[in-house]
Amino acid sequence: MKKRFEVRILGQELSVISDSGDEHVANVTRYVMEKVEEAGKSAGSKNALSIAILAALNIADEYFRVAGVKENIHSQLESRSEQLIHLINDIR
């Protein structure tokens, strides 16, 4: 069941609708706020839009790195599974 959550990031009140639980939404919000805070420290600008864009770029970079690692692990598991299947078939 979807629920409305009110969050505040960079001084902006936002309504978020999610079917995830309270804890998940709180964790996601906290993570984004941490990334915004990091971007704000490294940005020379105090412009909220610039900080938000930098935070989004940092989050996207993390996502693509993790997705790459996941894909690599998936490929390795698939390859090893195929090798095991061949070994089992050879034993028969």
PDB file of N, CA and C in Angstrom:
ATOM      1  N   MET A   1       0.838  -1.180   0.000  1.00  0.00           N
ATOM      2  CA  MET A   1       0.000   0.000   0.000  1.00  0.00           C
ATOM      3  C   MET A   1       0.880   1.240   0.000  1.00  0.00           C
ATOM      4  N   LYS A   2       0.610   2.146  -0.900  1.00  0.00           N
ATOM      5  CA  LYS A   2       1.424   3.356  -1.012  1.00  0.00           C
ATOM      6  C   LYS A   2       1.095   4.312   0.128  1.00  0.00           C
ATOM      7  N   LYS A   3       2.139   4.987   0.548  1.00  0.00           N
ATOM      8  CA  LYS A   3       2.005   5.922   1.653  1.00  0.00           C
ATOM      9  C   LYS A   3       2.746   7.200   1.290  1.00  0.00           C
ATOM     10  N   ARG A   4       2.275   8.326   1.757  1.00  0.00           N
ATOM     11  CA  ARG A   4       2.904   9.614   1.487  1.00  0.00           C
ATOM     12  C   ARG A   4       3.861   9.959   2.635  1.00  0.00           C
ATOM     13  N   PHE A   5       5.051  10.372   2.255  1.00  0.00           N
ATOM     14  CA  PHE A   5       6.068  10.783   3.216  1.00  0.00           C
ATOM     15  C   PHE A   5       6.460  12.221   2.905  1.00  0.00           C
ATOM     16  N   GLU A   6       6.662  13.004   3.921  1.00  0.00           N
ATOM     17  CA  GLU A   6       7.135  14.380   3.755  1.00  0.00           C
ATOM     18  C   GLU A   6       8.619  14.398   4.116  1.00  0.00           C
ATOM     19  N   VAL A   7       9.450  14.845   3.186  1.00  0.00           N
ATOM     20  CA  VAL A   7      10.887  14.934   3.439  1.00  0.00           C
ATOM     21  C   VAL A   7      11.355  16.348   3.138  1.00  0.00           C
ATOM     22  N   ARG A   8      12.452  16.717   3.768  1.00  0.00           N
ATOM     23  CA  ARG A   8      13.023  18.049   3.557  1.00  0.00           C
ATOM     24  C   ARG A   8      14.482  17.872   3.163  1.00  0.00           C
ATOM     25  N   ILE A   9      14.810  18.310   1.942  1.00  0.00           N
ATOM     26  CA  ILE A   9      16.176  18.234   1.433  1.00  0.00           C
ATOM     27  C   ILE A   9      16.517  19.577   0.803  1.00  0.00           C
ATOM     28  N   LEU A  10      17.666  20.115   1.173  1.00  0.00           N
ATOM     29  CA  LEU A  10      18.116  21.422   0.679  1.00  0.00           C
ATOM     30  C   LEU A  10      17.057  22.505   0.899  1.00  0.00           C
ATOM     31  N   GLY A  11      16.382  22.418   2.033  1.00  0.00           N
ATOM     32  CA  GLY A  11      15.382  23.424   2.375  1.00  0.00           C
ATOM     33  C   GLY A  11      14.070  23.277   1.623  1.00  0.00           C
ATOM     34  N   GLN A  12      13.937  22.222   0.860  1.00  0.00           N
ATOM     35  CA  GLN A  12      12.717  21.993   0.074  1.00  0.00           C
ATOM     36  C   GLN A  12      11.885  20.892   0.723  1.00  0.00           C
ATOM     37  N   GLU A  13      10.613  21.205   0.954  1.00  0.00           N
ATOM     38  CA  GLU A  13       9.676  20.193   1.420  1.00  0.00           C
ATOM     39  C   GLU A  13       9.185  19.412   0.218  1.00  0.00           C
ATOM     40  N   LEU A  14       9.297  18.105   0.289  1.00  0.00           N
ATOM     41  CA  LEU A  14       8.877  17.249  -0.812  1.00  0.00           C
ATOM     42  C   LEU A  14       7.939  16.163  -0.294  1.00  0.00           C
ATOM     43  N   SER A  15       6.939  15.843  -1.080  1.00  0.00           N
ATOM     44  CA  SER A  15       6.062  14.706  -0.786  1.00  0.00           C
ATOM     45  C   SER A  15       6.541  13.528  -1.608  1.00  0.00           C
ATOM     46  N   VAL A  16       6.798  12.442  -0.935  1.00  0.00           N
ATOM     47  CA  VAL A  16       7.255  11.228  -1.594  1.00  0.00           C
ATOM     48  C   VAL A  16       6.198  10.161  -1.368  1.00  0.00           C
ATOM     49  N   ILE A  17       5.786   9.516  -2.445  1.00  0.00           N
ATOM     50  CA  ILE A  17       4.820   8.433  -2.325  1.00  0.00           C
ATOM     51  C   ILE A  17       5.565   7.132  -2.587  1.00  0.00           C
ATOM     52  N   SER A  18       5.450   6.195  -1.642  1.00  0.00           N
ATOM     53  CA  SER A  18       6.195   4.942  -1.755  1.00  0.00           C
ATOM     54  C   SER A  18       5.409   3.812  -1.118  1.00  0.00           C
ATOM     55  N   ASP A  19       5.618   2.621  -1.654  1.00  0.00           N
ATOM     56  CA  ASP A  19       5.034   1.449  -1.014  1.00  0.00           C
ATOM     57  C   ASP A  19       6.058   0.748  -0.123  1.00  0.00           C
ATOM     58  N   SER A  20       7.225   1.359   0.015  1.00  0.00           N
ATOM     59  CA  SER A  20       8.243   0.852   0.934  1.00  0.00           C
ATOM     60  C   SER A  20       7.891   1.296   2.347  1.00  0.00           C
ATOM     61  N   GLY A  21       8.497   0.642   3.302  1.00  0.00           N
ATOM     62  CA  GLY A  21       8.227   0.966   4.695  1.00  0.00           C
ATOM     63  C   GLY A  21       8.886   2.261   5.145  1.00  0.00           C
ATOM     64  N   ASP A  22       8.475   2.703   6.310  1.00  0.00           N
ATOM     65  CA  ASP A  22       9.000   3.936   6.894  1.00  0.00           C
ATOM     66  C   ASP A  22      10.521   3.919   7.000  1.00  0.00           C
ATOM     67  N   GLU A  23      11.054   2.786   7.462  1.00  0.00           N
ATOM     68  CA  GLU A  23      12.501   2.686   7.665  1.00  0.00           C
ATOM     69  C   GLU A  23      13.249   2.810   6.348  1.00  0.00           C
ATOM     70  N   HIS A  24      12.744   2.172   5.293  1.00  0.00           N
ATOM     71  CA  HIS A  24      13.394   2.244   3.989  1.00  0.00           C
ATOM     72  C   HIS A  24      13.407   3.680   3.472  1.00  0.00           C
ATOM     73  N   VAL A  25      12.271   4.340   3.543  1.00  0.00           N
ATOM     74  CA  VAL A  25      12.192   5.731   3.066  1.00  0.00           C
ATOM     75  C   VAL A  25      13.116   6.616   3.899  1.00  0.00           C
ATOM     76  N   ALA A  26      13.167   6.396   5.196  1.00  0.00           N
ATOM     77  CA  ALA A  26      14.062   7.172   6.056  1.00  0.00           C
ATOM     78  C   ALA A  26      15.521   6.932   5.676  1.00  0.00           C
ATOM     79  N   ASN A  27      15.876   5.682   5.386  1.00  0.00           N
ATOM     80  CA  ASN A  27      17.249   5.364   4.985  1.00  0.00           C
ATOM     81  C   ASN A  27      17.606   6.008   3.651  1.00  0.00           C
ATOM     82  N   VAL A  28      16.697   5.951   2.691  1.00  0.00           N
ATOM     83  CA  VAL A  28      16.946   6.566   1.387  1.00  0.00           C
ATOM     84  C   VAL A  28      17.094   8.077   1.544  1.00  0.00           C
ATOM     85  N   THR A  29      16.207   8.677   2.313  1.00  0.00           N
ATOM     86  CA  THR A  29      16.268  10.124   2.538  1.00  0.00           C
ATOM     87  C   THR A  29      17.572  10.516   3.215  1.00  0.00           C
ATOM     88  N   ARG A  30      17.965   9.760   4.219  1.00  0.00           N
ATOM     89  CA  ARG A  30      19.218  10.041   4.939  1.00  0.00           C
ATOM     90  C   ARG A  30      20.412   9.912   3.994  1.00  0.00           C
ATOM     91  N   TYR A  31      20.405   8.892   3.137  1.00  0.00           N
ATOM     92  CA  TYR A  31      21.485   8.683   2.177  1.00  0.00           C
ATOM     93  C   TYR A  31      21.594   9.869   1.218  1.00  0.00           C
ATOM     94  N   VAL A  32      20.465  10.285   0.678  1.00  0.00           N
ATOM     95  CA  VAL A  32      20.469  11.434  -0.239  1.00  0.00           C
ATOM     96  C   VAL A  32      20.949  12.678   0.488  1.00  0.00           C
ATOM     97  N   MET A  33      20.499  12.888   1.707  1.00  0.00           N
ATOM     98  CA  MET A  33      20.930  14.066   2.468  1.00  0.00           C
ATOM     99  C   MET A  33      22.432  14.037   2.707  1.00  0.00           C
ATOM    100  N   GLU A  34      22.989  12.859   2.980  1.00  0.00           N
ATOM    101  CA  GLU A  34      24.439  12.738   3.156  1.00  0.00           C
ATOM    102  C   GLU A  34      25.172  13.089   1.866  1.00  0.00           C
ATOM    103  N   LYS A  35      24.654  12.594   0.740  1.00  0.00           N
ATOM    104  CA  LYS A  35      25.279  12.888  -0.551  1.00  0.00           C
ATOM    105  C   LYS A  35      25.181  14.368  -0.891  1.00  0.00           C
ATOM    106  N   VAL A  36      24.070  14.987  -0.557  1.00  0.00           N
ATOM    107  CA  VAL A  36      23.896  16.425  -0.775  1.00  0.00           C
ATOM    108  C   VAL A  36      24.882  17.200   0.092  1.00  0.00           C
ATOM    109  N   GLU A  37      25.030  16.755   1.336  1.00  0.00           N
ATOM    110  CA  GLU A  37      25.970  17.412   2.253  1.00  0.00           C
ATOM    111  C   GLU A  37      27.403  17.300   1.737  1.00  0.00           C
ATOM    112  N   GLU A  38      27.793  16.116   1.262  1.00  0.00           N
ATOM    113  CA  GLU A  38      29.128  15.919   0.695  1.00  0.00           C
ATOM    114  C   GLU A  38      29.337  16.822  -0.526  1.00  0.00           C
ATOM    115  N   ALA A  39      28.333  16.855  -1.402  1.00  0.00           N
ATOM    116  CA  ALA A  39      28.444  17.679  -2.607  1.00  0.00           C
ATOM    117  C   ALA A  39      28.537  19.152  -2.239  1.00  0.00           C
ATOM    118  N   GLY A  40      27.789  19.560  -1.220  1.00  0.00           N
ATOM    119  CA  GLY A  40      27.828  20.948  -0.781  1.00  0.00           C
ATOM    120  C   GLY A  40      29.190  21.350  -0.251  1.00  0.00           C
ATOM    121  N   LYS A  41      29.858  20.423   0.422  1.00  0.00           N
ATOM    122  CA  LYS A  41      31.195  20.711   0.954  1.00  0.00           C
ATOM    123  C   LYS A  41      32.224  20.845  -0.162  1.00  0.00           C
ATOM    124  N   SER A  42      32.067  20.023  -1.212  1.00  0.00           N
ATOM    125  CA  SER A  42      33.056  20.054  -2.286  1.00  0.00           C
ATOM    126  C   SER A  42      32.734  21.112  -3.345  1.00  0.00           C
ATOM    127  N   ALA A  43      31.499  21.577  -3.372  1.00  0.00           N
ATOM    128  CA  ALA A  43      31.102  22.575  -4.373  1.00  0.00           C
ATOM    129  C   ALA A  43      31.528  23.967  -3.911  1.00  0.00           C
ATOM    130  N   GLY A  44      32.021  24.721  -4.823  1.00  0.00           N
ATOM    131  CA  GLY A  44      32.372  26.096  -4.490  1.00  0.00           C
ATOM    132  C   GLY A  44      31.129  26.973  -4.373  1.00  0.00           C
ATOM    133  N   SER A  45      30.054  26.495  -4.948  1.00  0.00           N
ATOM    134  CA  SER A  45      28.812  27.254  -5.010  1.00  0.00           C
ATOM    135  C   SER A  45      27.884  26.869  -3.867  1.00  0.00           C
ATOM    136  N   LYS A  46      27.092  27.805  -3.441  1.00  0.00           N
ATOM    137  CA  LYS A  46      26.049  27.532  -2.449  1.00  0.00           C
ATOM    138  C   LYS A  46      24.705  27.392  -3.134  1.00  0.00           C
ATOM    139  N   ASN A  47      24.724  27.359  -4.457  1.00  0.00           N
ATOM    140  CA  ASN A  47      23.511  27.226  -5.244  1.00  0.00           C
ATOM    141  C   ASN A  47      22.922  25.835  -5.037  1.00  0.00           C
ATOM    142  N   ALA A  48      21.675  25.767  -4.577  1.00  0.00           N
ATOM    143  CA  ALA A  48      21.031  24.495  -4.266  1.00  0.00           C
ATOM    144  C   ALA A  48      20.934  23.600  -5.499  1.00  0.00           C
ATOM    145  N   LEU A  49      20.654  24.173  -6.654  1.00  0.00           N
ATOM    146  CA  LEU A  49      20.541  23.370  -7.873  1.00  0.00           C
ATOM    147  C   LEU A  49      21.881  22.731  -8.222  1.00  0.00           C
ATOM    148  N   SER A  50      22.964  23.485  -8.138  1.00  0.00           N
ATOM    149  CA  SER A  50      24.295  22.934  -8.430  1.00  0.00           C
ATOM    150  C   SER A  50      24.637  21.807  -7.467  1.00  0.00           C
ATOM    151  N   ILE A  51      24.336  22.009  -6.199  1.00  0.00           N
ATOM    152  CA  ILE A  51      24.608  20.984  -5.194  1.00  0.00           C
ATOM    153  C   ILE A  51      23.781  19.734  -5.471  1.00  0.00           C
ATOM    154  N   ALA A  52      22.506  19.920  -5.810  1.00  0.00           N
ATOM    155  CA  ALA A  52      21.635  18.777  -6.104  1.00  0.00           C
ATOM    156  C   ALA A  52      22.134  18.007  -7.321  1.00  0.00           C
ATOM    157  N   ILE A  53      22.580  18.725  -8.354  1.00  0.00           N
ATOM    158  CA  ILE A  53      23.087  18.065  -9.558  1.00  0.00           C
ATOM    159  C   ILE A  53      24.371  17.298  -9.244  1.00  0.00           C
ATOM    160  N   LEU A  54      25.270  17.890  -8.480  1.00  0.00           N
ATOM    161  CA  LEU A  54      26.507  17.192  -8.090  1.00  0.00           C
ATOM    162  C   LEU A  54      26.190  15.942  -7.278  1.00  0.00           C
ATOM    163  N   ALA A  55      25.246  16.051  -6.353  1.00  0.00           N
ATOM    164  CA  ALA A  55      24.851  14.888  -5.552  1.00  0.00           C
ATOM    165  C   ALA A  55      24.268  13.801  -6.451  1.00  0.00           C
ATOM    166  N   ALA A  56      23.429  14.195  -7.400  1.00  0.00           N
ATOM    167  CA  ALA A  56      22.836  13.228  -8.326  1.00  0.00           C
ATOM    168  C   ALA A  56      23.916  12.552  -9.166  1.00  0.00           C
ATOM    169  N   LEU A  57      24.893  13.312  -9.623  1.00  0.00           N
ATOM    170  CA  LEU A  57      25.992  12.733 -10.398  1.00  0.00           C
ATOM    171  C   LEU A  57      26.798  11.740  -9.558  1.00  0.00           C
ATOM    172  N   ASN A  58      27.041  12.083  -8.301  1.00  0.00           N
ATOM    173  CA  ASN A  58      27.779  11.183  -7.413  1.00  0.00           C
ATOM    174  C   ASN A  58      26.999   9.897  -7.161  1.00  0.00           C
ATOM    175  N   ILE A  59      25.693  10.019  -6.951  1.00  0.00           N
ATOM    176  CA  ILE A  59      24.853   8.842  -6.728  1.00  0.00           C
ATOM    177  C   ILE A  59      24.809   7.984  -7.992  1.00  0.00           C
ATOM    178  N   ALA A  60      24.677   8.622  -9.153  1.00  0.00           N
ATOM    179  CA  ALA A  60      24.656   7.878 -10.424  1.00  0.00           C
ATOM    180  C   ALA A  60      25.983   7.160 -10.639  1.00  0.00           C
ATOM    181  N   ASP A  61      27.098   7.812 -10.308  1.00  0.00           N
ATOM    182  CA  ASP A  61      28.408   7.183 -10.444  1.00  0.00           C
ATOM    183  C   ASP A  61      28.493   5.937  -9.565  1.00  0.00           C
ATOM    184  N   GLU A  62      28.055   6.046  -8.323  1.00  0.00           N
ATOM    185  CA  GLU A  62      28.048   4.889  -7.422  1.00  0.00           C
ATOM    186  C   GLU A  62      27.177   3.776  -7.991  1.00  0.00           C
ATOM    187  N   TYR A  63      26.014   4.139  -8.485  1.00  0.00           N
ATOM    188  CA  TYR A  63      25.093   3.152  -9.046  1.00  0.00           C
ATOM    189  C   TYR A  63      25.751   2.381 -10.191  1.00  0.00           C
ATOM    190  N   PHE A  64      26.353   3.106 -11.138  1.00  0.00           N
ATOM    191  CA  PHE A  64      26.958   2.441 -12.288  1.00  0.00           C
ATOM    192  C   PHE A  64      28.153   1.589 -11.887  1.00  0.00           C
ATOM    193  N   ARG A  65      28.911   2.020 -10.897  1.00  0.00           N
ATOM    194  CA  ARG A  65      30.030   1.201 -10.418  1.00  0.00           C
ATOM    195  C   ARG A  65      29.518  -0.097  -9.799  1.00  0.00           C
ATOM    196  N   VAL A  66      28.500   0.009  -8.953  1.00  0.00           N
ATOM    197  CA  VAL A  66      27.934  -1.180  -8.312  1.00  0.00           C
ATOM    198  C   VAL A  66      27.284  -2.088  -9.353  1.00  0.00           C
ATOM    199  N   ALA A  67      26.590  -1.495 -10.324  1.00  0.00           N
ATOM    200  CA  ALA A  67      25.969  -2.295 -11.380  1.00  0.00           C
ATOM    201  C   ALA A  67      27.036  -3.041 -12.178  1.00  0.00           C
ATOM    202  N   GLY A  68      28.170  -2.422 -12.420  1.00  0.00           N
ATOM    203  CA  GLY A  68      29.269  -3.073 -13.124  1.00  0.00           C
ATOM    204  C   GLY A  68      29.831  -4.239 -12.337  1.00  0.00           C
ATOM    205  N   VAL A  69      30.000  -4.045 -11.040  1.00  0.00           N
ATOM    206  CA  VAL A  69      30.498  -5.120 -10.176  1.00  0.00           C
ATOM    207  C   VAL A  69      29.491  -6.267 -10.169  1.00  0.00           C
ATOM    208  N   LYS A  70      28.217  -5.924 -10.055  1.00  0.00           N
ATOM    209  CA  LYS A  70      27.158  -6.948 -10.063  1.00  0.00           C
ATOM    210  C   LYS A  70      27.181  -7.744 -11.363  1.00  0.00           C
ATOM    211  N   GLU A  71      27.319  -7.058 -12.478  1.00  0.00           N
ATOM    212  CA  GLU A  71      27.354  -7.722 -13.781  1.00  0.00           C
ATOM    213  C   GLU A  71      28.565  -8.641 -13.890  1.00  0.00           C
ATOM    214  N   ASN A  72      29.698  -8.186 -13.378  1.00  0.00           N
ATOM    215  CA  ASN A  72      30.915  -8.986 -13.388  1.00  0.00           C
ATOM    216  C   ASN A  72      30.736 -10.259 -12.564  1.00  0.00           C
ATOM    217  N   ILE A  73      30.171 -10.112 -11.374  1.00  0.00           N
ATOM    218  CA  ILE A  73      29.931 -11.273 -10.511  1.00  0.00           C
ATOM    219  C   ILE A  73      28.945 -12.228 -11.184  1.00  0.00           C
ATOM    220  N   HIS A  74      27.907 -11.671 -11.785  1.00  0.00           N
ATOM    221  CA  HIS A  74      26.917 -12.492 -12.485  1.00  0.00           C
ATOM    222  C   HIS A  74      27.579 -13.291 -13.608  1.00  0.00           C
ATOM    223  N   SER A  75      28.435 -12.649 -14.379  1.00  0.00           N
ATOM    224  CA  SER A  75      29.132 -13.332 -15.476  1.00  0.00           C
ATOM    225  C   SER A  75      30.030 -14.442 -14.951  1.00  0.00           C
ATOM    226  N   GLN A  76      30.733 -14.161 -13.854  1.00  0.00           N
ATOM    227  CA  GLN A  76      31.610 -15.175 -13.265  1.00  0.00           C
ATOM    228  C   GLN A  76      30.806 -16.381 -12.782  1.00  0.00           C
ATOM    229  N   LEU A  77      29.682 -16.124 -12.118  1.00  0.00           N
ATOM    230  CA  LEU A  77      28.840 -17.208 -11.624  1.00  0.00           C
ATOM    231  C   LEU A  77      28.263 -18.029 -12.779  1.00  0.00           C
ATOM    232  N   GLU A  78      27.850 -17.339 -13.815  1.00  0.00           N
ATOM    233  CA  GLU A  78      27.315 -18.035 -14.989  1.00  0.00           C
ATOM    234  C   GLU A  78      28.387 -18.926 -15.624  1.00  0.00           C
ATOM    235  N   SER A  79      29.587 -18.397 -15.758  1.00  0.00           N
ATOM    236  CA  SER A  79      30.690 -19.159 -16.347  1.00  0.00           C
ATOM    237  C   SER A  79      31.025 -20.373 -15.483  1.00  0.00           C
ATOM    238  N   ARG A  80      31.098 -20.181 -14.183  1.00  0.00           N
ATOM    239  CA  ARG A  80      31.423 -21.294 -13.288  1.00  0.00           C
ATOM    240  C   ARG A  80      30.311 -22.341 -13.286  1.00  0.00           C
ATOM    241  N   SER A  81      29.070 -21.879 -13.367  1.00  0.00           N
ATOM    242  CA  SER A  81      27.945 -22.824 -13.433  1.00  0.00           C
ATOM    243  C   SER A  81      28.035 -23.674 -14.689  1.00  0.00           C
ATOM    244  N   GLU A  82      28.353 -23.052 -15.800  1.00  0.00           N
ATOM    245  CA  GLU A  82      28.499 -23.796 -17.054  1.00  0.00           C
ATOM    246  C   GLU A  82      29.638 -24.805 -16.955  1.00  0.00           C
ATOM    247  N   GLN A  83      30.741 -24.405 -16.321  1.00  0.00           N
ATOM    248  CA  GLN A  83      31.864 -25.332 -16.147  1.00  0.00           C
ATOM    249  C   GLN A  83      31.449 -26.529 -15.298  1.00  0.00           C
ATOM    250  N   LEU A  84      30.693 -26.263 -14.220  1.00  0.00           N
ATOM    251  CA  LEU A  84      30.232 -27.354 -13.363  1.00  0.00           C
ATOM    252  C   LEU A  84      29.288 -28.286 -14.116  1.00  0.00           C
ATOM    253  N   ILE A  85      28.418 -27.717 -14.918  1.00  0.00           N
ATOM    254  CA  ILE A  85      27.492 -28.531 -15.717  1.00  0.00           C
ATOM    255  C   ILE A  85      28.279 -29.433 -16.658  1.00  0.00           C
ATOM    256  N   HIS A  86      29.297 -28.887 -17.309  1.00  0.00           N
ATOM    257  CA  HIS A  86      30.135 -29.687 -18.206  1.00  0.00           C
ATOM    258  C   HIS A  86      30.860 -30.804 -17.445  1.00  0.00           C
ATOM    259  N   LEU A  87      31.380 -30.487 -16.270  1.00  0.00           N
ATOM    260  CA  LEU A  87      32.060 -31.503 -15.457  1.00  0.00           C
ATOM    261  C   LEU A  87      31.089 -32.619 -15.049  1.00  0.00           C
ATOM    262  N   ILE A  88      29.902 -32.247 -14.648  1.00  0.00           N
ATOM    263  CA  ILE A  88      28.896 -33.241 -14.254  1.00  0.00           C
ATOM    264  C   ILE A  88      28.526 -34.105 -15.449  1.00  0.00           C
ATOM    265  N   ASN A  89      28.335 -33.481 -16.602  1.00  0.00           N
ATOM    266  CA  ASN A  89      27.992 -34.250 -17.810  1.00  0.00           C
ATOM    267  C   ASN A  89      29.123 -35.172 -18.224  1.00  0.00           C
ATOM    268  N   ASP A  90      30.354 -34.752 -18.029  1.00  0.00           N
ATOM    269  CA  ASP A  90      31.507 -35.593 -18.378  1.00  0.00           C
ATOM    270  C   ASP A  90      31.598 -36.821 -17.472  1.00  0.00           C
ATOM    271  N   ILE A  91      31.169 -36.678 -16.235  1.00  0.00           N
ATOM    272  CA  ILE A  91      31.219 -37.787 -15.270  1.00  0.00           C
ATOM    273  C   ILE A  91      30.187 -38.849 -15.632  1.00  0.00           C
ATOM    274  N   ARG A  92      29.074 -38.449 -16.178  1.00  0.00           N
ATOM    275  CA  ARG A  92      27.999 -39.383 -16.509  1.00  0.00           C
ATOM    276  C   ARG A  92      28.425 -40.271 -17.576  1.00  0.00           C
TER     277      ARG A  92
END
